[in-house]
Amino acid sequence: MSFYHVYKQLKLLDFEGFLNSVTSNDIKRILHKDLINDEDFLMLLSPAAEECLEALAQKAHRVTVQHFGKTIQLFNPIYISDHCVNHCTYCSFSVTNQFKRQKLTMEEVDREAKNLASNGIKHILILTGESKLHSSVSYIKETVEVLKKYFSSISIEINPLDTEEYKQLREAGVDGVTVYQEVYNEDVYRDFHVKGPKRNYRYRLDTPERGCEAGLRSVNIGTLLGLDNWRKEVFFTGMHANYLQNKYIDTEIGLSLPRIRPHLGNFNPRSEVNDKAFVQSLVALRLLLPRSGITLSTRESAVFRDHLIPLGITRMSAGASTEVGGYSLESQGTNQFQISDERGVRDICDALYKKGYQPIFKDWIHS
């Protein structure tokens, strides 16, 4: 059994009827519970929960401090290739977009790594477009060998792999994987993924589980907010994380809530996700999954990111670039999406200190 079978049952729920039946008294009852169940979680995503958002945010803060303290782990993404074989309507790297594609040599990877390491950050996330030809397992392994000289923790966000391939990368020094389902609604998934291996909904959905089975230390999942009804998408994200956390107790399961940002192309979000909806999603996930790390990307503005810090966030990128060679090359690539928070590492640290939080540069080392 995989999460797909759980999803098939969950999608039969009368979401609209249930969400509209929730009252403020239901939310106040949940506020007094130490642990919430699946039904409570869905209630926290209802329109009625908006009336209690301040109280929910305060509880999310208390829960986060209880499990993580007042700390935020910092990391940097590093884009090493933007070649892609998929046509995804919402992404700059889509195979249909015409721009000069790039792939870093090992010398260029080393140069990028040196620049990044000078900021003090020790956690790195390798990103590529989805092309097995240009971003093969052997190429990723070569890159990891270079990055290991500079960083303590190396995660990947690349095309989905088989379990044995993840094992190879784990042995090479990779300790985490991030993979977004993008949209859990299987009925609309193919509308956004027009061409390429990414059209295989089931294979992508099972990818986090293959990472767990391969023995990776951490697995991070999420949905791209704006592709479908946010209340349902956040619910499926929470249920997916909960499923993985209960089944693979030795793996750290984390989440991200990226919102669609401008990119190369003319895609417009199908579902509006305003700041209030984002906050509601964040605090609901925190109360369902008190032990899960939650990442906040530079897709969000500096002001909004600062306000979100106390509400459940445990991990942030800082001084990020979403283009190949963005840290050191004169001829830089095309952004995967536009960044909103362009502050450097030092500025992010200062913002954390002002809120009484401690930035964490390193909490893991290769064995």
Protein backbone atom coordinates (compact mmCIF):
# COMPACT_ATOMS: atom_id res chain seq x y z
CA MET A 1 0.00 0.00 0.00
CA SER A 2 1.19 3.53 -0.78
CA PHE A 3 -0.25 6.97 -0.06
CA TYR A 4 -2.02 6.75 -3.41
CA HIS A 5 -4.53 4.33 -1.89
CA VAL A 6 -5.09 6.72 1.01
CA TYR A 7 -5.54 9.58 -1.43
CA LYS A 8 -8.14 7.64 -3.44
CA GLN A 9 -10.25 7.31 -0.28
CA LEU A 10 -9.73 10.88 0.91
CA LYS A 11 -10.73 12.42 -2.43
CA LEU A 12 -14.22 10.93 -2.01
CA LEU A 13 -14.92 13.25 0.93
CA ASP A 14 -17.59 15.93 0.53
CA PHE A 15 -15.10 18.73 1.14
CA GLU A 16 -17.43 21.63 0.45
CA GLY A 17 -20.21 20.25 2.60
CA PHE A 18 -17.88 19.42 5.50
CA LEU A 19 -15.95 22.69 5.43
CA ASN A 20 -19.14 24.76 5.36
CA SER A 21 -20.61 22.83 8.31
CA VAL A 22 -17.76 23.73 10.68
CA THR A 23 -18.57 26.31 13.37
CA SER A 24 -16.41 28.58 15.52
CA ASN A 25 -17.29 26.37 18.51
CA ASP A 26 -15.69 23.42 16.70
CA ILE A 27 -12.49 25.43 16.31
CA LYS A 28 -12.49 26.56 19.93
CA ARG A 29 -12.83 22.92 21.00
CA ILE A 30 -9.82 21.97 18.88
CA LEU A 31 -7.80 24.78 20.47
CA HIS A 32 -8.03 22.96 23.81
CA LYS A 33 -6.74 19.65 22.47
CA ASP A 34 -3.08 18.61 22.84
CA LEU A 35 -3.19 16.42 19.72
CA ILE A 36 -5.54 16.76 16.77
CA ASN A 37 -6.85 14.12 14.38
CA ASP A 38 -7.47 14.17 10.63
CA GLU A 39 -10.99 15.57 11.01
CA ASP A 40 -9.77 18.34 13.31
CA PHE A 41 -7.10 19.23 10.76
CA LEU A 42 -9.66 19.63 7.99
CA MET A 43 -11.76 21.79 10.31
CA LEU A 44 -8.77 24.08 10.83
CA LEU A 45 -8.77 24.69 7.06
CA SER A 46 -12.43 25.75 7.04
CA PRO A 47 -13.83 29.28 6.63
CA ALA A 48 -14.96 29.15 10.27
CA ALA A 49 -11.33 28.80 11.43
CA GLU A 50 -10.54 32.23 9.99
CA GLU A 51 -12.41 33.79 12.93
CA CYS A 52 -9.97 32.13 15.36
CA LEU A 53 -6.80 32.65 13.36
CA GLU A 54 -5.04 34.73 16.05
CA ALA A 55 -5.62 32.07 18.71
CA LEU A 56 -4.51 29.33 16.31
CA ALA A 57 -1.36 31.28 15.49
CA GLN A 58 -0.52 31.67 19.18
CA LYS A 59 -0.95 27.95 19.75
CA ALA A 60 1.16 27.14 16.68
CA HIS A 61 3.91 29.33 18.13
CA ARG A 62 3.81 27.55 21.49
CA VAL A 63 3.89 24.12 19.85
CA THR A 64 6.83 25.06 17.63
CA VAL A 65 8.89 26.45 20.52
CA GLN A 66 8.12 23.34 22.55
CA HIS A 67 9.55 21.04 19.87
CA PHE A 68 12.19 23.19 18.15
CA GLY A 69 13.00 26.03 20.50
CA LYS A 70 13.42 29.50 19.02
CA THR A 71 15.73 28.37 16.24
CA ILE A 72 15.66 28.59 12.44
CA GLN A 73 17.91 26.43 10.29
CA LEU A 74 19.36 28.28 7.29
CA PHE A 75 20.20 26.70 3.94
CA ASN A 76 21.02 27.65 0.37
CA PRO A 77 19.75 26.19 -2.90
CA ILE A 78 22.31 25.63 -5.66
CA TYR A 79 21.03 25.23 -9.24
CA ILE A 80 23.44 23.16 -11.31
CA SER A 81 21.39 22.52 -14.48
CA ASP A 82 18.21 23.93 -16.05
CA HIS A 83 17.78 21.33 -18.81
CA CYS A 84 14.30 19.78 -18.60
CA VAL A 85 12.23 17.35 -20.68
CA ASN A 86 8.87 18.19 -19.09
CA HIS A 87 6.30 20.70 -20.27
CA CYS A 88 4.91 22.11 -17.02
CA THR A 89 2.75 25.16 -17.65
CA TYR A 90 3.83 26.99 -14.46
CA CYS A 91 7.64 26.65 -14.65
CA SER A 92 10.37 28.65 -16.40
CA PHE A 93 12.38 25.47 -17.01
CA SER A 94 9.58 23.94 -19.11
CA VAL A 95 10.94 22.33 -22.29
CA THR A 96 8.73 24.65 -24.37
CA ASN A 97 10.42 27.83 -23.13
CA GLN A 98 13.20 29.09 -25.36
CA PHE A 99 16.34 30.21 -23.53
CA LYS A 100 19.98 29.21 -23.37
CA ARG A 101 20.18 26.12 -21.15
CA GLN A 102 23.13 25.63 -18.82
CA LYS A 103 24.80 22.83 -16.89
CA LEU A 104 27.67 23.48 -14.52
CA THR A 105 31.01 21.79 -14.90
CA MET A 106 32.69 20.49 -11.74
CA GLU A 107 35.00 23.51 -11.80
CA GLU A 108 31.97 25.81 -11.87
CA VAL A 109 30.30 23.81 -9.09
CA ASP A 110 33.43 24.28 -7.00
CA ARG A 111 33.38 28.03 -7.63
CA GLU A 112 29.71 28.28 -6.65
CA ALA A 113 30.37 26.20 -3.53
CA LYS A 114 33.23 28.41 -2.39
CA ASN A 115 31.08 31.52 -2.71
CA LEU A 116 28.21 29.92 -0.81
CA ALA A 117 30.43 28.48 1.91
CA SER A 118 31.88 31.93 2.61
CA ASN A 119 28.47 32.90 4.06
CA GLY A 120 28.83 30.26 6.77
CA ILE A 121 25.87 28.11 5.76
CA LYS A 122 26.55 24.37 5.90
CA HIS A 123 23.26 22.97 4.54
CA ILE A 124 22.85 22.90 0.76
CA LEU A 125 20.04 21.86 -1.61
CA ILE A 126 21.01 20.75 -5.13
CA LEU A 127 18.41 21.63 -7.79
CA THR A 128 18.16 20.75 -11.46
CA GLY A 129 15.63 20.69 -14.24
CA GLU A 130 14.19 17.22 -14.78
CA SER A 131 16.36 15.59 -17.41
CA LYS A 132 18.02 12.25 -16.77
CA LEU A 133 20.32 12.87 -19.72
CA HIS A 134 21.72 16.15 -18.38
CA SER A 135 21.32 15.45 -14.64
CA SER A 136 22.15 11.77 -14.43
CA VAL A 137 22.80 10.00 -11.15
CA SER A 138 26.50 9.90 -12.03
CA TYR A 139 26.53 13.68 -12.60
CA ILE A 140 24.80 14.28 -9.26
CA LYS A 141 27.33 12.00 -7.54
CA GLU A 142 30.21 13.99 -9.05
CA THR A 143 28.60 17.20 -7.82
CA VAL A 144 28.16 15.77 -4.33
CA GLU A 145 31.85 14.86 -4.19
CA VAL A 146 32.70 18.52 -4.79
CA LEU A 147 30.09 19.89 -2.37
CA LYS A 148 31.14 17.56 0.45
CA LYS A 149 34.34 19.58 0.78
CA TYR A 150 32.32 22.62 1.82
CA PHE A 151 28.98 21.52 3.32
CA SER A 152 27.83 19.25 6.15
CA SER A 153 24.40 18.37 4.78
CA ILE A 154 23.52 17.87 1.09
CA SER A 155 19.94 17.42 -0.09
CA ILE A 156 18.59 17.11 -3.62
CA GLU A 157 15.58 18.42 -5.53
CA ILE A 158 15.90 16.74 -8.91
CA ASN A 159 13.83 14.42 -11.13
CA PRO A 160 12.24 11.52 -9.20
CA LEU A 161 14.43 8.43 -8.89
CA ASP A 162 14.03 4.75 -8.13
CA THR A 163 14.83 3.44 -4.66
CA GLU A 164 18.16 1.95 -5.74
CA GLU A 165 19.23 5.26 -7.29
CA TYR A 166 18.43 7.07 -4.06
CA LYS A 167 20.52 4.48 -2.22
CA GLN A 168 23.46 5.22 -4.53
CA LEU A 169 23.19 8.92 -3.78
CA ARG A 170 22.84 8.29 -0.06
CA GLU A 171 26.09 6.30 -0.15
CA ALA A 172 27.70 9.17 -2.09
CA GLY A 173 26.80 11.65 0.66
CA VAL A 174 23.23 12.85 0.01
CA ASP A 175 21.15 12.83 3.19
CA GLY A 176 17.85 14.39 2.10
CA VAL A 177 15.40 14.73 -0.78
CA THR A 178 12.77 17.34 -1.58
CA VAL A 179 10.00 16.50 -4.03
CA TYR A 180 6.80 18.47 -4.54
CA GLN A 181 3.72 16.77 -5.85
CA GLU A 182 2.85 20.24 -7.20
CA VAL A 183 -0.88 19.46 -7.17
CA TYR A 184 -2.56 16.52 -5.42
CA ASN A 185 -5.79 16.78 -7.39
CA GLU A 186 -5.25 13.93 -9.83
CA ASP A 187 -8.09 15.13 -12.03
CA VAL A 188 -6.28 18.38 -12.89
CA TYR A 189 -2.67 17.14 -12.57
CA ARG A 190 -2.39 16.40 -16.30
CA ASP A 191 -3.69 19.87 -17.19
CA PHE A 192 -0.48 21.35 -15.79
CA HIS A 193 1.91 18.56 -16.82
CA VAL A 194 1.43 18.38 -20.56
CA LYS A 195 4.46 16.40 -21.68
CA GLY A 196 7.27 14.33 -20.21
CA PRO A 197 7.78 11.78 -17.40
CA LYS A 198 6.26 14.17 -14.88
CA ARG A 199 2.84 13.37 -16.34
CA ASN A 200 3.02 10.09 -14.40
CA TYR A 201 1.07 11.16 -11.30
CA ARG A 202 1.45 7.91 -9.39
CA TYR A 203 5.22 7.64 -9.87
CA ARG A 204 5.74 11.17 -8.57
CA LEU A 205 3.37 10.65 -5.63
CA ASP A 206 5.33 7.58 -4.52
CA THR A 207 8.72 9.32 -4.81
CA PRO A 208 8.96 10.49 -1.16
CA GLU A 209 8.29 6.93 -0.04
CA ARG A 210 11.14 5.63 -2.20
CA GLY A 211 13.42 8.18 -0.54
CA CYS A 212 12.34 6.89 2.87
CA GLU A 213 12.91 3.28 1.80
CA ALA A 214 16.40 4.20 0.59
CA GLY A 215 17.30 5.32 4.11
CA LEU A 216 17.64 9.07 3.49
CA ARG A 217 17.72 11.08 6.71
CA SER A 218 15.13 13.65 5.63
CA VAL A 219 12.30 13.81 3.09
CA ASN A 220 10.55 17.10 2.33
CA ILE A 221 7.23 17.36 0.49
CA GLY A 222 4.71 20.03 -0.47
CA THR A 223 2.13 21.37 -2.88
CA LEU A 224 2.49 24.41 -5.15
CA LEU A 225 -0.20 26.71 -3.81
CA GLY A 226 -2.31 28.22 -6.57
CA LEU A 227 -2.80 25.20 -8.83
CA ASP A 228 -6.06 24.09 -7.19
CA ASN A 229 -8.31 24.78 -4.19
CA TRP A 230 -5.83 25.56 -1.41
CA ARG A 231 -7.92 24.08 1.43
CA LYS A 232 -8.02 20.66 -0.24
CA GLU A 233 -4.40 20.81 -1.40
CA VAL A 234 -3.10 21.65 2.09
CA PHE A 235 -5.26 18.87 3.54
CA PHE A 236 -3.75 16.28 1.17
CA THR A 237 -0.26 17.62 1.94
CA GLY A 238 -0.82 17.18 5.67
CA MET A 239 -2.26 13.71 5.21
CA HIS A 240 0.69 12.71 3.02
CA ALA A 241 3.22 13.95 5.58
CA ASN A 242 1.34 12.25 8.41
CA TYR A 243 1.27 8.98 6.46
CA LEU A 244 5.02 9.10 5.85
CA GLN A 245 5.80 10.11 9.43
CA ASN A 246 3.80 7.23 10.87
CA LYS A 247 5.19 4.64 8.44
CA TYR A 248 8.86 5.71 8.40
CA ILE A 249 9.59 6.71 11.98
CA ASP A 250 13.35 6.97 11.42
CA THR A 251 12.97 9.60 8.67
CA GLU A 252 12.55 13.32 9.31
CA ILE A 253 9.48 14.36 7.32
CA GLY A 254 9.33 18.04 6.44
CA LEU A 255 7.00 20.31 4.49
CA SER A 256 7.10 23.42 2.35
CA LEU A 257 4.31 25.73 1.20
CA PRO A 258 5.56 27.42 -1.97
CA ARG A 259 3.17 29.85 -3.67
CA ILE A 260 3.27 30.42 -7.42
CA ARG A 261 5.56 33.30 -8.38
CA PRO A 262 6.08 35.04 -11.74
CA HIS A 263 8.25 33.05 -14.15
CA LEU A 264 9.11 32.69 -17.83
CA GLY A 265 5.70 32.23 -19.48
CA ASN A 266 2.18 33.54 -19.00
CA PHE A 267 0.64 31.09 -16.51
CA ASN A 268 -1.86 32.50 -14.04
CA PRO A 269 -2.80 30.71 -10.78
CA ARG A 270 -6.04 28.76 -10.93
CA SER A 271 -6.74 29.39 -7.24
CA GLU A 272 -6.00 32.58 -5.30
CA VAL A 273 -4.04 32.03 -2.09
CA ASN A 274 -3.83 35.30 -0.17
CA ASP A 275 -1.66 35.95 2.88
CA LYS A 276 -4.45 35.07 5.31
CA ALA A 277 -4.98 31.71 3.60
CA PHE A 278 -1.23 31.09 3.72
CA VAL A 279 -1.13 31.74 7.47
CA GLN A 280 -4.14 29.49 8.05
CA SER A 281 -2.46 26.70 6.08
CA LEU A 282 0.78 27.10 8.02
CA VAL A 283 -0.72 27.02 11.51
CA ALA A 284 -3.05 24.12 10.65
CA LEU A 285 -0.10 22.04 9.43
CA ARG A 286 1.92 22.91 12.52
CA LEU A 287 -0.87 21.75 14.86
CA LEU A 288 -1.33 18.49 12.93
CA LEU A 289 2.42 17.79 12.69
CA PRO A 290 4.14 19.29 15.74
CA ARG A 291 7.43 17.44 15.05
CA SER A 292 7.76 18.24 11.34
CA GLY A 293 10.10 20.90 10.03
CA ILE A 294 8.43 23.55 7.86
CA THR A 295 10.46 25.44 5.24
CA LEU A 296 9.76 29.00 4.10
CA SER A 297 11.26 29.97 0.75
CA THR A 298 12.27 33.32 -0.73
CA ARG A 299 9.12 33.22 -2.85
CA GLU A 300 7.56 35.23 0.00
CA SER A 301 8.39 38.90 0.68
CA ALA A 302 10.86 39.93 3.36
CA VAL A 303 8.16 41.58 5.50
CA PHE A 304 5.83 38.59 5.27
CA ARG A 305 8.64 36.12 6.01
CA ASP A 306 9.58 38.07 9.14
CA HIS A 307 5.98 37.94 10.37
CA LEU A 308 5.75 34.19 9.71
CA ILE A 309 8.84 33.24 11.72
CA PRO A 310 7.02 32.72 15.05
CA LEU A 311 4.08 30.80 13.54
CA GLY A 312 5.65 27.41 12.84
CA ILE A 313 8.60 27.98 10.50
CA THR A 314 11.77 26.03 11.31
CA ARG A 315 13.84 26.39 8.13
CA MET A 316 14.55 29.27 5.72
CA SER A 317 16.66 29.90 2.66
CA ALA A 318 18.81 33.03 2.72
CA GLY A 319 20.64 34.91 -0.02
CA ALA A 320 19.14 32.48 -2.51
CA SER A 321 19.43 32.33 -6.30
CA THR A 322 17.10 30.31 -8.55
CA GLU A 323 19.31 30.37 -11.64
CA VAL A 324 22.20 28.18 -12.72
CA GLY A 325 25.48 29.82 -11.78
CA GLY A 326 23.66 32.50 -9.83
CA TYR A 327 26.31 32.85 -7.13
CA SER A 328 29.51 33.17 -9.13
CA LEU A 329 29.16 33.01 -12.93
CA GLU A 330 29.17 36.15 -15.06
CA SER A 331 26.85 34.51 -17.59
CA GLN A 332 23.94 33.56 -15.38
CA GLY A 333 20.94 31.47 -16.31
CA THR A 334 17.18 31.92 -16.30
CA ASN A 335 15.37 32.12 -12.96
CA GLN A 336 13.10 29.17 -12.23
CA PHE A 337 10.85 31.75 -10.56
CA GLN A 338 11.22 35.31 -9.30
CA ILE A 339 12.54 35.74 -5.77
CA SER A 340 10.70 38.12 -3.44
CA ASP A 341 13.09 38.21 -0.47
CA GLU A 342 16.52 39.14 -1.82
CA ARG A 343 18.20 39.67 1.56
CA GLY A 344 21.57 38.11 2.17
CA VAL A 345 22.49 35.71 4.95
CA ARG A 346 23.64 38.44 7.34
CA ASP A 347 20.40 40.41 6.91
CA ILE A 348 18.33 37.29 7.56
CA CYS A 349 20.36 36.57 10.71
CA ASP A 350 19.81 40.13 11.94
CA ALA A 351 16.05 39.76 11.40
CA LEU A 352 16.06 36.51 13.38
CA TYR A 353 18.07 37.99 16.24
CA LYS A 354 15.62 40.91 16.49
CA LYS A 355 12.80 38.43 17.03
CA GLY A 356 14.76 36.50 19.63
CA TYR A 357 15.56 33.58 17.33
CA GLN A 358 18.85 31.79 16.80
CA PRO A 359 19.96 31.06 13.21
CA ILE A 360 21.37 27.55 12.87
CA PHE A 361 24.05 27.02 10.24
CA LYS A 362 24.88 23.40 10.97
CA ASP A 363 23.06 20.61 12.80
CA TRP A 364 24.25 17.56 10.86
CA ILE A 365 27.53 16.07 9.69
CA HIS A 366 28.32 13.20 7.33
CA SER A 367 29.27 10.01 9.12
